[in-house]
Amino acid sequence: MNITKMKTLTLITFISIFAASCGIKKPQKPKNADVKSTMYNDLSEKMVEDLKAGRSVKDIQDKFANVSEEDLRKGLPDDANRKSFWINVYNGYIIAILKKDKSQYKDRNAFFAKKQVKIAGHTLSFDDIENGMIRKSQYKFGLGYIRKILPSAFERHLRVDDRDFRIHFTINCGAKSCPPVRVYKPDGLYDQLENAAKAYLTDHTKYYKEKNQVESSVLMSYFRGDFGGKSGQKTILKDFKLIPENSDPKITYGPYDWTLDIDNFAK
């Protein structure tokens, strides 16, 4: 590689890191929250409902595999549809695949990296869905601070518009400590995400006034850039009334139980 190309790649990487480290905007409730679910989102919702009921989802998976990319793009016309679709797809395929072969979970890194989810003629991994589609093209090992430099056209066209820290409390990777699986719908999605985040953080946050310390979910450490770093995490905990407004505690993180649990549906 010549010097010019190396300098160009270095500059692109620096811009990518800087842009991703400027903090995450707090999600704002849409002025017009009346978003209609499209056919493909209806199918993603049904997939999760059918899995919860113990029914086969093969027909739905076949439809997702064979839909054209153009039709899927038209069928997911806005951020609410894309976000809820990919959350449901991620959660649904995790459950469906692990129900057939739990042994895949013994090597979790290989499982998440394996290309095994067929959508619109493309075979995706769970890493592709989580970090590409749901987290808007974030580098898996970048802690939320590094964007992918050259995501695929498929990813660019079908990923979410805005990175939203609350999705970390909606996607279920099969572990016991994962958030429970719910059916997410475009209509009212903001409130669903808000409620899911508040419920999970409430269950996993302990405030110790005398120590000036708060212990919360290690998910905020794994994806710290998505939460705006430690200062952003404190703001989130204050917004959810989990630490006092005028406090500035030291943040620590609790353990994460990776024991397989594919029946963790919200009640």
C-alpha atoms as a PDB file:
ATOM      1  CA  MET A   1       0.000   0.000   0.000  1.00  0.00           C
ATOM      2  CA  ASN A   2       1.433   3.393  -0.957  1.00  0.00           C
ATOM      3  CA  ILE A   3       1.811   6.356   1.412  1.00  0.00           C
ATOM      4  CA  THR A   4      -1.118   8.299  -0.090  1.00  0.00           C
ATOM      5  CA  LYS A   5      -3.536   5.416   0.427  1.00  0.00           C
ATOM      6  CA  MET A   6      -2.295   4.910   3.980  1.00  0.00           C
ATOM      7  CA  LYS A   7      -2.809   8.589   4.788  1.00  0.00           C
ATOM      8  CA  THR A   8      -6.304   8.485   3.279  1.00  0.00           C
ATOM      9  CA  LEU A   9      -7.302   5.438   5.317  1.00  0.00           C
ATOM     10  CA  THR A  10      -5.855   7.000   8.478  1.00  0.00           C
ATOM     11  CA  LEU A  11      -7.821  10.196   7.872  1.00  0.00           C
ATOM     12  CA  ILE A  12     -11.045   8.282   7.206  1.00  0.00           C
ATOM     13  CA  THR A  13     -10.544   6.241  10.371  1.00  0.00           C
ATOM     14  CA  PHE A  14      -9.868   9.360  12.454  1.00  0.00           C
ATOM     15  CA  ILE A  15     -12.979  11.095  11.114  1.00  0.00           C
ATOM     16  CA  SER A  16     -14.997   7.965  11.802  1.00  0.00           C
ATOM     17  CA  ILE A  17     -13.760   7.741  15.396  1.00  0.00           C
ATOM     18  CA  PHE A  18     -14.241  11.454  16.042  1.00  0.00           C
ATOM     19  CA  ALA A  19     -17.764  11.497  14.638  1.00  0.00           C
ATOM     20  CA  ALA A  20     -18.759   8.492  16.702  1.00  0.00           C
ATOM     21  CA  SER A  21     -17.269   9.902  19.908  1.00  0.00           C
ATOM     22  CA  CYS A  22     -19.132  13.199  19.861  1.00  0.00           C
ATOM     23  CA  GLY A  23     -21.887  11.813  22.049  1.00  0.00           C
ATOM     24  CA  ILE A  24     -25.296  10.347  21.396  1.00  0.00           C
ATOM     25  CA  LYS A  25     -28.323  12.570  21.216  1.00  0.00           C
ATOM     26  CA  LYS A  26     -31.045  11.713  23.689  1.00  0.00           C
ATOM     27  CA  PRO A  27     -33.933  10.124  21.758  1.00  0.00           C
ATOM     28  CA  GLN A  28     -36.813  12.509  21.299  1.00  0.00           C
ATOM     29  CA  LYS A  29     -40.403  11.397  21.009  1.00  0.00           C
ATOM     30  CA  PRO A  30     -41.591  11.969  17.420  1.00  0.00           C
ATOM     31  CA  LYS A  31     -44.125  14.740  16.999  1.00  0.00           C
ATOM     32  CA  ASN A  32     -46.136  12.428  14.780  1.00  0.00           C
ATOM     33  CA  ALA A  33     -45.880   9.056  16.484  1.00  0.00           C
ATOM     34  CA  ASP A  34     -48.715   7.497  14.466  1.00  0.00           C
ATOM     35  CA  VAL A  35     -46.540   5.190  12.358  1.00  0.00           C
ATOM     36  CA  LYS A  36     -48.209   2.293  10.600  1.00  0.00           C
ATOM     37  CA  SER A  37     -46.713  -1.172  10.584  1.00  0.00           C
ATOM     38  CA  THR A  38     -46.024  -2.561   7.109  1.00  0.00           C
ATOM     39  CA  MET A  39     -46.394  -6.144   5.891  1.00  0.00           C
ATOM     40  CA  TYR A  40     -42.801  -7.090   6.673  1.00  0.00           C
ATOM     41  CA  ASN A  41     -43.044  -5.705  10.157  1.00  0.00           C
ATOM     42  CA  ASP A  42     -46.318  -7.542  10.675  1.00  0.00           C
ATOM     43  CA  LEU A  43     -44.464 -10.729   9.738  1.00  0.00           C
ATOM     44  CA  SER A  44     -41.585  -9.968  12.118  1.00  0.00           C
ATOM     45  CA  GLU A  45     -44.086  -9.415  14.934  1.00  0.00           C
ATOM     46  CA  LYS A  46     -45.892 -12.657  14.095  1.00  0.00           C
ATOM     47  CA  MET A  47     -42.597 -14.544  14.098  1.00  0.00           C
ATOM     48  CA  VAL A  48     -41.913 -13.570  17.719  1.00  0.00           C
ATOM     49  CA  GLU A  49     -45.512 -14.324  18.733  1.00  0.00           C
ATOM     50  CA  ASP A  50     -45.399 -17.740  17.018  1.00  0.00           C
ATOM     51  CA  LEU A  51     -42.098 -18.635  18.680  1.00  0.00           C
ATOM     52  CA  LYS A  52     -43.532 -17.741  22.067  1.00  0.00           C
ATOM     53  CA  ALA A  53     -46.500 -20.008  21.327  1.00  0.00           C
ATOM     54  CA  GLY A  54     -44.247 -22.841  20.127  1.00  0.00           C
ATOM     55  CA  ARG A  55     -45.366 -22.651  16.484  1.00  0.00           C
ATOM     56  CA  SER A  56     -43.178 -23.105  13.412  1.00  0.00           C
ATOM     57  CA  VAL A  57     -41.846 -19.939  11.770  1.00  0.00           C
ATOM     58  CA  LYS A  58     -40.368 -21.559   8.654  1.00  0.00           C
ATOM     59  CA  ASP A  59     -42.919 -19.964   6.310  1.00  0.00           C
ATOM     60  CA  ILE A  60     -42.073 -16.513   7.664  1.00  0.00           C
ATOM     61  CA  GLN A  61     -38.340 -17.176   7.376  1.00  0.00           C
ATOM     62  CA  ASP A  62     -38.844 -18.299   3.756  1.00  0.00           C
ATOM     63  CA  LYS A  63     -40.665 -15.061   2.965  1.00  0.00           C
ATOM     64  CA  PHE A  64     -37.860 -13.004   4.483  1.00  0.00           C
ATOM     65  CA  ALA A  65     -35.252 -14.994   2.548  1.00  0.00           C
ATOM     66  CA  ASN A  66     -36.984 -14.592  -0.810  1.00  0.00           C
ATOM     67  CA  VAL A  67     -38.304 -11.029  -0.698  1.00  0.00           C
ATOM     68  CA  SER A  68     -36.444  -8.729  -3.079  1.00  0.00           C
ATOM     69  CA  GLU A  69     -34.168  -6.089  -1.602  1.00  0.00           C
ATOM     70  CA  GLU A  70     -36.195  -3.391  -3.360  1.00  0.00           C
ATOM     71  CA  ASP A  71     -39.484  -4.631  -1.907  1.00  0.00           C
ATOM     72  CA  LEU A  72     -38.002  -4.837   1.581  1.00  0.00           C
ATOM     73  CA  ARG A  73     -36.699  -1.273   1.305  1.00  0.00           C
ATOM     74  CA  LYS A  74     -40.141  -0.078   0.246  1.00  0.00           C
ATOM     75  CA  GLY A  75     -41.692  -2.153   3.024  1.00  0.00           C
ATOM     76  CA  LEU A  76     -39.522  -0.512   5.685  1.00  0.00           C
ATOM     77  CA  PRO A  77     -40.005   3.143   4.740  1.00  0.00           C
ATOM     78  CA  ASP A  78     -39.093   4.833   8.032  1.00  0.00           C
ATOM     79  CA  ASP A  79     -36.904   4.469  11.088  1.00  0.00           C
ATOM     80  CA  ALA A  80     -39.660   3.097  13.321  1.00  0.00           C
ATOM     81  CA  ASN A  81     -40.390   0.276  10.866  1.00  0.00           C
ATOM     82  CA  ARG A  82     -36.712  -0.526  10.350  1.00  0.00           C
ATOM     83  CA  LYS A  83     -35.866  -0.437  14.040  1.00  0.00           C
ATOM     84  CA  SER A  84     -38.743  -2.644  15.169  1.00  0.00           C
ATOM     85  CA  PHE A  85     -38.239  -5.009  12.210  1.00  0.00           C
ATOM     86  CA  TRP A  86     -34.562  -5.653  12.925  1.00  0.00           C
ATOM     87  CA  ILE A  87     -35.111  -6.022  16.683  1.00  0.00           C
ATOM     88  CA  ASN A  88     -37.833  -8.616  16.066  1.00  0.00           C
ATOM     89  CA  VAL A  89     -35.734 -10.387  13.425  1.00  0.00           C
ATOM     90  CA  TYR A  90     -32.677 -10.520  15.691  1.00  0.00           C
ATOM     91  CA  ASN A  91     -34.607 -11.869  18.664  1.00  0.00           C
ATOM     92  CA  GLY A  92     -36.725 -14.235  16.586  1.00  0.00           C
ATOM     93  CA  TYR A  93     -33.870 -15.861  14.691  1.00  0.00           C
ATOM     94  CA  ILE A  94     -31.770 -16.252  17.848  1.00  0.00           C
ATOM     95  CA  ILE A  95     -34.591 -18.263  19.410  1.00  0.00           C
ATOM     96  CA  ALA A  96     -35.471 -20.238  16.269  1.00  0.00           C
ATOM     97  CA  ILE A  97     -31.875 -21.233  15.498  1.00  0.00           C
ATOM     98  CA  LEU A  98     -30.894 -22.107  19.066  1.00  0.00           C
ATOM     99  CA  LYS A  99     -34.049 -24.171  19.553  1.00  0.00           C
ATOM    100  CA  LYS A 100     -32.823 -26.376  16.707  1.00  0.00           C
ATOM    101  CA  ASP A 101     -29.184 -26.498  17.774  1.00  0.00           C
ATOM    102  CA  LYS A 102     -28.264 -25.303  21.271  1.00  0.00           C
ATOM    103  CA  SER A 103     -24.694 -26.545  20.803  1.00  0.00           C
ATOM    104  CA  GLN A 104     -23.916 -23.467  18.669  1.00  0.00           C
ATOM    105  CA  TYR A 105     -24.006 -21.378  21.838  1.00  0.00           C
ATOM    106  CA  LYS A 106     -20.939 -23.138  23.257  1.00  0.00           C
ATOM    107  CA  ASP A 107     -18.788 -20.849  21.092  1.00  0.00           C
ATOM    108  CA  ARG A 108     -20.737 -17.608  21.288  1.00  0.00           C
ATOM    109  CA  ASN A 109     -18.297 -15.543  19.240  1.00  0.00           C
ATOM    110  CA  ALA A 110     -18.521 -18.003  16.367  1.00  0.00           C
ATOM    111  CA  PHE A 111     -22.293 -18.190  16.711  1.00  0.00           C
ATOM    112  CA  PHE A 112     -22.805 -14.430  16.469  1.00  0.00           C
ATOM    113  CA  ALA A 113     -20.331 -14.130  13.579  1.00  0.00           C
ATOM    114  CA  LYS A 114     -21.770 -17.013  11.531  1.00  0.00           C
ATOM    115  CA  LYS A 115     -23.695 -16.036   8.388  1.00  0.00           C
ATOM    116  CA  GLN A 116     -27.021 -17.849   8.908  1.00  0.00           C
ATOM    117  CA  VAL A 117     -29.917 -15.371   8.720  1.00  0.00           C
ATOM    118  CA  LYS A 118     -31.261 -15.061   5.154  1.00  0.00           C
ATOM    119  CA  ILE A 119     -32.941 -11.733   4.431  1.00  0.00           C
ATOM    120  CA  ALA A 120     -33.765 -10.480   0.920  1.00  0.00           C
ATOM    121  CA  GLY A 121     -31.183 -12.655  -0.774  1.00  0.00           C
ATOM    122  CA  HIS A 122     -28.417 -11.765   1.688  1.00  0.00           C
ATOM    123  CA  THR A 123     -27.102 -14.068   4.397  1.00  0.00           C
ATOM    124  CA  LEU A 124     -26.372 -12.102   7.551  1.00  0.00           C
ATOM    125  CA  SER A 125     -24.795 -12.858  10.892  1.00  0.00           C
ATOM    126  CA  PHE A 126     -26.234 -11.671  14.180  1.00  0.00           C
ATOM    127  CA  ASP A 127     -23.236  -9.336  14.380  1.00  0.00           C
ATOM    128  CA  ASP A 128     -24.299  -7.872  11.020  1.00  0.00           C
ATOM    129  CA  ILE A 129     -27.826  -7.266  12.273  1.00  0.00           C
ATOM    130  CA  GLU A 130     -26.890  -5.853  15.668  1.00  0.00           C
ATOM    131  CA  ASN A 131     -23.920  -3.692  14.763  1.00  0.00           C
ATOM    132  CA  GLY A 132     -24.814  -2.904  11.159  1.00  0.00           C
ATOM    133  CA  MET A 133     -28.576  -2.582  10.973  1.00  0.00           C
ATOM    134  CA  ILE A 134     -29.599  -1.754  14.549  1.00  0.00           C
ATOM    135  CA  ARG A 135     -26.539   0.236  15.702  1.00  0.00           C
ATOM    136  CA  LYS A 136     -26.092   2.040  12.370  1.00  0.00           C
ATOM    137  CA  SER A 137     -22.853   0.539  11.103  1.00  0.00           C
ATOM    138  CA  GLN A 138     -20.771   0.413  14.263  1.00  0.00           C
ATOM    139  CA  TYR A 139     -17.558  -1.588  14.435  1.00  0.00           C
ATOM    140  CA  LYS A 140     -18.207  -4.584  16.708  1.00  0.00           C
ATOM    141  CA  PHE A 141     -15.140  -4.083  18.897  1.00  0.00           C
ATOM    142  CA  GLY A 142     -15.236  -0.285  18.918  1.00  0.00           C
ATOM    143  CA  LEU A 143     -17.154   0.108  22.204  1.00  0.00           C
ATOM    144  CA  GLY A 144     -19.550   2.406  20.373  1.00  0.00           C
ATOM    145  CA  TYR A 145     -16.830   4.859  19.326  1.00  0.00           C
ATOM    146  CA  ILE A 146     -15.813   3.549  15.901  1.00  0.00           C
ATOM    147  CA  ARG A 147     -18.010   3.395  12.822  1.00  0.00           C
ATOM    148  CA  LYS A 148     -17.522   1.016   9.944  1.00  0.00           C
ATOM    149  CA  ILE A 149     -15.640   2.750   7.166  1.00  0.00           C
ATOM    150  CA  LEU A 150     -17.248   0.991   4.198  1.00  0.00           C
ATOM    151  CA  PRO A 151     -20.554  -0.717   5.076  1.00  0.00           C
ATOM    152  CA  SER A 152     -22.287  -2.582   2.264  1.00  0.00           C
ATOM    153  CA  ALA A 153     -24.957  -0.941   0.118  1.00  0.00           C
ATOM    154  CA  PHE A 154     -27.514  -3.383   1.546  1.00  0.00           C
ATOM    155  CA  GLU A 155     -26.635  -2.238   5.054  1.00  0.00           C
ATOM    156  CA  ARG A 156     -26.693   1.459   4.166  1.00  0.00           C
ATOM    157  CA  HIS A 157     -30.125   1.166   2.559  1.00  0.00           C
ATOM    158  CA  LEU A 158     -31.794  -0.836   5.338  1.00  0.00           C
ATOM    159  CA  ARG A 159     -30.104   0.204   8.587  1.00  0.00           C
ATOM    160  CA  VAL A 160     -31.742   2.531  11.107  1.00  0.00           C
ATOM    161  CA  ASP A 161     -31.438   6.287  10.726  1.00  0.00           C
ATOM    162  CA  ASP A 162     -30.501   7.061  14.330  1.00  0.00           C
ATOM    163  CA  ARG A 163     -28.391   5.172  16.835  1.00  0.00           C
ATOM    164  CA  ASP A 164     -30.479   4.697  19.973  1.00  0.00           C
ATOM    165  CA  PHE A 165     -28.983   3.469  23.263  1.00  0.00           C
ATOM    166  CA  ARG A 166     -32.332   1.983  24.292  1.00  0.00           C
ATOM    167  CA  ILE A 167     -32.064  -0.859  21.768  1.00  0.00           C
ATOM    168  CA  HIS A 168     -29.560  -2.556  24.076  1.00  0.00           C
ATOM    169  CA  PHE A 169     -32.460  -3.237  26.420  1.00  0.00           C
ATOM    170  CA  THR A 170     -34.561  -4.809  23.664  1.00  0.00           C
ATOM    171  CA  ILE A 171     -32.304  -7.263  21.838  1.00  0.00           C
ATOM    172  CA  ASN A 172     -31.929 -10.719  23.331  1.00  0.00           C
ATOM    173  CA  CYS A 173     -28.798 -12.722  22.461  1.00  0.00           C
ATOM    174  CA  GLY A 174     -29.960 -15.876  24.249  1.00  0.00           C
ATOM    175  CA  ALA A 175     -28.220 -15.253  27.584  1.00  0.00           C
ATOM    176  CA  LYS A 176     -29.987 -15.301  30.928  1.00  0.00           C
ATOM    177  CA  SER A 177     -29.018 -11.684  31.632  1.00  0.00           C
ATOM    178  CA  CYS A 178     -30.382 -10.441  28.291  1.00  0.00           C
ATOM    179  CA  PRO A 179     -33.494  -8.255  28.280  1.00  0.00           C
ATOM    180  CA  PRO A 180     -36.707 -10.264  27.921  1.00  0.00           C
ATOM    181  CA  VAL A 181     -38.117 -10.713  24.424  1.00  0.00           C
ATOM    182  CA  ARG A 182     -41.048  -8.504  23.504  1.00  0.00           C
ATOM    183  CA  VAL A 183     -42.894  -7.877  20.246  1.00  0.00           C
ATOM    184  CA  TYR A 184     -41.903  -4.431  18.995  1.00  0.00           C
ATOM    185  CA  LYS A 185     -44.244  -2.427  16.780  1.00  0.00           C
ATOM    186  CA  PRO A 186     -43.593   0.767  14.799  1.00  0.00           C
ATOM    187  CA  ASP A 187     -46.713   2.399  16.215  1.00  0.00           C
ATOM    188  CA  GLY A 188     -45.777   3.556  19.712  1.00  0.00           C
ATOM    189  CA  LEU A 189     -42.187   2.329  19.372  1.00  0.00           C
ATOM    190  CA  TYR A 190     -40.739   5.293  21.292  1.00  0.00           C
ATOM    191  CA  ASP A 191     -42.744   4.416  24.403  1.00  0.00           C
ATOM    192  CA  GLN A 192     -41.934   0.722  24.040  1.00  0.00           C
ATOM    193  CA  LEU A 193     -38.206   1.453  23.929  1.00  0.00           C
ATOM    194  CA  GLU A 194     -38.461   3.875  26.824  1.00  0.00           C
ATOM    195  CA  ASN A 195     -40.348   1.364  28.961  1.00  0.00           C
ATOM    196  CA  ALA A 196     -37.975  -1.490  28.096  1.00  0.00           C
ATOM    197  CA  ALA A 197     -34.913   0.591  28.975  1.00  0.00           C
ATOM    198  CA  LYS A 198     -36.385   1.830  32.235  1.00  0.00           C
ATOM    199  CA  ALA A 199     -37.524  -1.654  33.301  1.00  0.00           C
ATOM    200  CA  TYR A 200     -34.159  -3.279  32.577  1.00  0.00           C
ATOM    201  CA  LEU A 201     -32.080  -0.542  34.176  1.00  0.00           C
ATOM    202  CA  THR A 202     -34.324  -0.452  37.228  1.00  0.00           C
ATOM    203  CA  ASP A 203     -33.752  -4.177  37.721  1.00  0.00           C
ATOM    204  CA  HIS A 204     -29.986  -3.881  37.217  1.00  0.00           C
ATOM    205  CA  THR A 205     -29.121  -0.639  39.009  1.00  0.00           C
ATOM    206  CA  LYS A 206     -28.215  -0.183  42.669  1.00  0.00           C
ATOM    207  CA  TYR A 207     -27.429   3.243  44.127  1.00  0.00           C
ATOM    208  CA  TYR A 208     -25.282   3.481  47.258  1.00  0.00           C
ATOM    209  CA  LYS A 209     -25.627   6.997  48.620  1.00  0.00           C
ATOM    210  CA  GLU A 210     -23.144   6.537  51.458  1.00  0.00           C
ATOM    211  CA  LYS A 211     -20.455   5.339  49.023  1.00  0.00           C
ATOM    212  CA  ASN A 212     -21.400   7.842  46.329  1.00  0.00           C
ATOM    213  CA  GLN A 213     -21.480   4.879  43.957  1.00  0.00           C
ATOM    214  CA  VAL A 214     -23.915   3.316  41.527  1.00  0.00           C
ATOM    215  CA  GLU A 215     -23.755  -0.175  40.059  1.00  0.00           C
ATOM    216  CA  SER A 216     -25.592  -0.668  36.781  1.00  0.00           C
ATOM    217  CA  SER A 217     -25.735  -2.976  33.781  1.00  0.00           C
ATOM    218  CA  VAL A 218     -22.438  -3.948  32.184  1.00  0.00           C
ATOM    219  CA  LEU A 219     -24.176  -3.428  28.817  1.00  0.00           C
ATOM    220  CA  MET A 220     -23.433   0.262  29.319  1.00  0.00           C
ATOM    221  CA  SER A 221     -19.742  -0.581  29.534  1.00  0.00           C
ATOM    222  CA  TYR A 222     -19.740  -2.980  26.585  1.00  0.00           C
ATOM    223  CA  PHE A 223     -21.267  -0.262  24.360  1.00  0.00           C
ATOM    224  CA  ARG A 224     -20.142   2.840  26.242  1.00  0.00           C
ATOM    225  CA  GLY A 225     -20.015   5.094  23.194  1.00  0.00           C
ATOM    226  CA  ASP A 226     -23.686   4.377  22.450  1.00  0.00           C
ATOM    227  CA  PHE A 227     -24.494   5.813  25.875  1.00  0.00           C
ATOM    228  CA  GLY A 228     -22.300   8.880  25.539  1.00  0.00           C
ATOM    229  CA  GLY A 229     -19.602   7.592  27.875  1.00  0.00           C
ATOM    230  CA  LYS A 230     -19.874   7.686  31.660  1.00  0.00           C
ATOM    231  CA  SER A 231     -21.300  11.204  31.709  1.00  0.00           C
ATOM    232  CA  GLY A 232     -24.029  10.100  29.324  1.00  0.00           C
ATOM    233  CA  GLN A 233     -24.720   7.032  31.434  1.00  0.00           C
ATOM    234  CA  LYS A 234     -25.234   9.201  34.519  1.00  0.00           C
ATOM    235  CA  THR A 235     -27.613  11.439  32.575  1.00  0.00           C
ATOM    236  CA  ILE A 236     -29.632   8.384  31.522  1.00  0.00           C
ATOM    237  CA  LEU A 237     -29.789   7.061  35.093  1.00  0.00           C
ATOM    238  CA  LYS A 238     -30.976  10.492  36.253  1.00  0.00           C
ATOM    239  CA  ASP A 239     -33.613  10.657  33.537  1.00  0.00           C
ATOM    240  CA  PHE A 240     -34.984   7.324  34.753  1.00  0.00           C
ATOM    241  CA  LYS A 241     -34.878   8.536  38.394  1.00  0.00           C
ATOM    242  CA  LEU A 242     -32.400   5.838  39.375  1.00  0.00           C
ATOM    243  CA  ILE A 243     -29.880   8.251  40.892  1.00  0.00           C
ATOM    244  CA  PRO A 244     -30.527  11.721  42.372  1.00  0.00           C
ATOM    245  CA  GLU A 245     -30.473  14.651  39.966  1.00  0.00           C
ATOM    246  CA  ASN A 246     -27.728  16.479  41.894  1.00  0.00           C
ATOM    247  CA  SER A 247     -25.495  13.409  42.363  1.00  0.00           C
ATOM    248  CA  ASP A 248     -22.219  12.506  40.663  1.00  0.00           C
ATOM    249  CA  PRO A 249     -21.516   8.925  41.752  1.00  0.00           C
ATOM    250  CA  LYS A 250     -18.777   6.595  40.620  1.00  0.00           C
ATOM    251  CA  ILE A 251     -20.197   4.075  38.131  1.00  0.00           C
ATOM    252  CA  THR A 252     -19.456   0.365  38.433  1.00  0.00           C
ATOM    253  CA  TYR A 253     -20.997  -2.525  36.519  1.00  0.00           C
ATOM    254  CA  GLY A 254     -22.631  -5.729  37.677  1.00  0.00           C
ATOM    255  CA  PRO A 255     -21.992  -9.270  36.396  1.00  0.00           C
ATOM    256  CA  TYR A 256     -23.581 -10.713  33.260  1.00  0.00           C
ATOM    257  CA  ASP A 257     -24.947 -14.255  33.251  1.00  0.00           C
ATOM    258  CA  TRP A 258     -24.265 -15.891  29.866  1.00  0.00           C
ATOM    259  CA  THR A 259     -26.188 -19.063  30.719  1.00  0.00           C
ATOM    260  CA  LEU A 260     -28.393 -20.011  27.754  1.00  0.00           C
ATOM    261  CA  ASP A 261     -32.064 -19.082  28.193  1.00  0.00           C
ATOM    262  CA  ILE A 262     -34.182 -19.103  25.026  1.00  0.00           C
ATOM    263  CA  ASP A 263     -37.535 -18.886  26.804  1.00  0.00           C
ATOM    264  CA  ASN A 264     -37.022 -15.424  28.275  1.00  0.00           C
ATOM    265  CA  PHE A 265     -40.204 -13.807  26.982  1.00  0.00           C
ATOM    266  CA  ALA A 266     -41.661 -10.771  28.736  1.00  0.00           C
ATOM    267  CA  LYS A 267     -44.762 -11.579  30.723  1.00  0.00           C
END
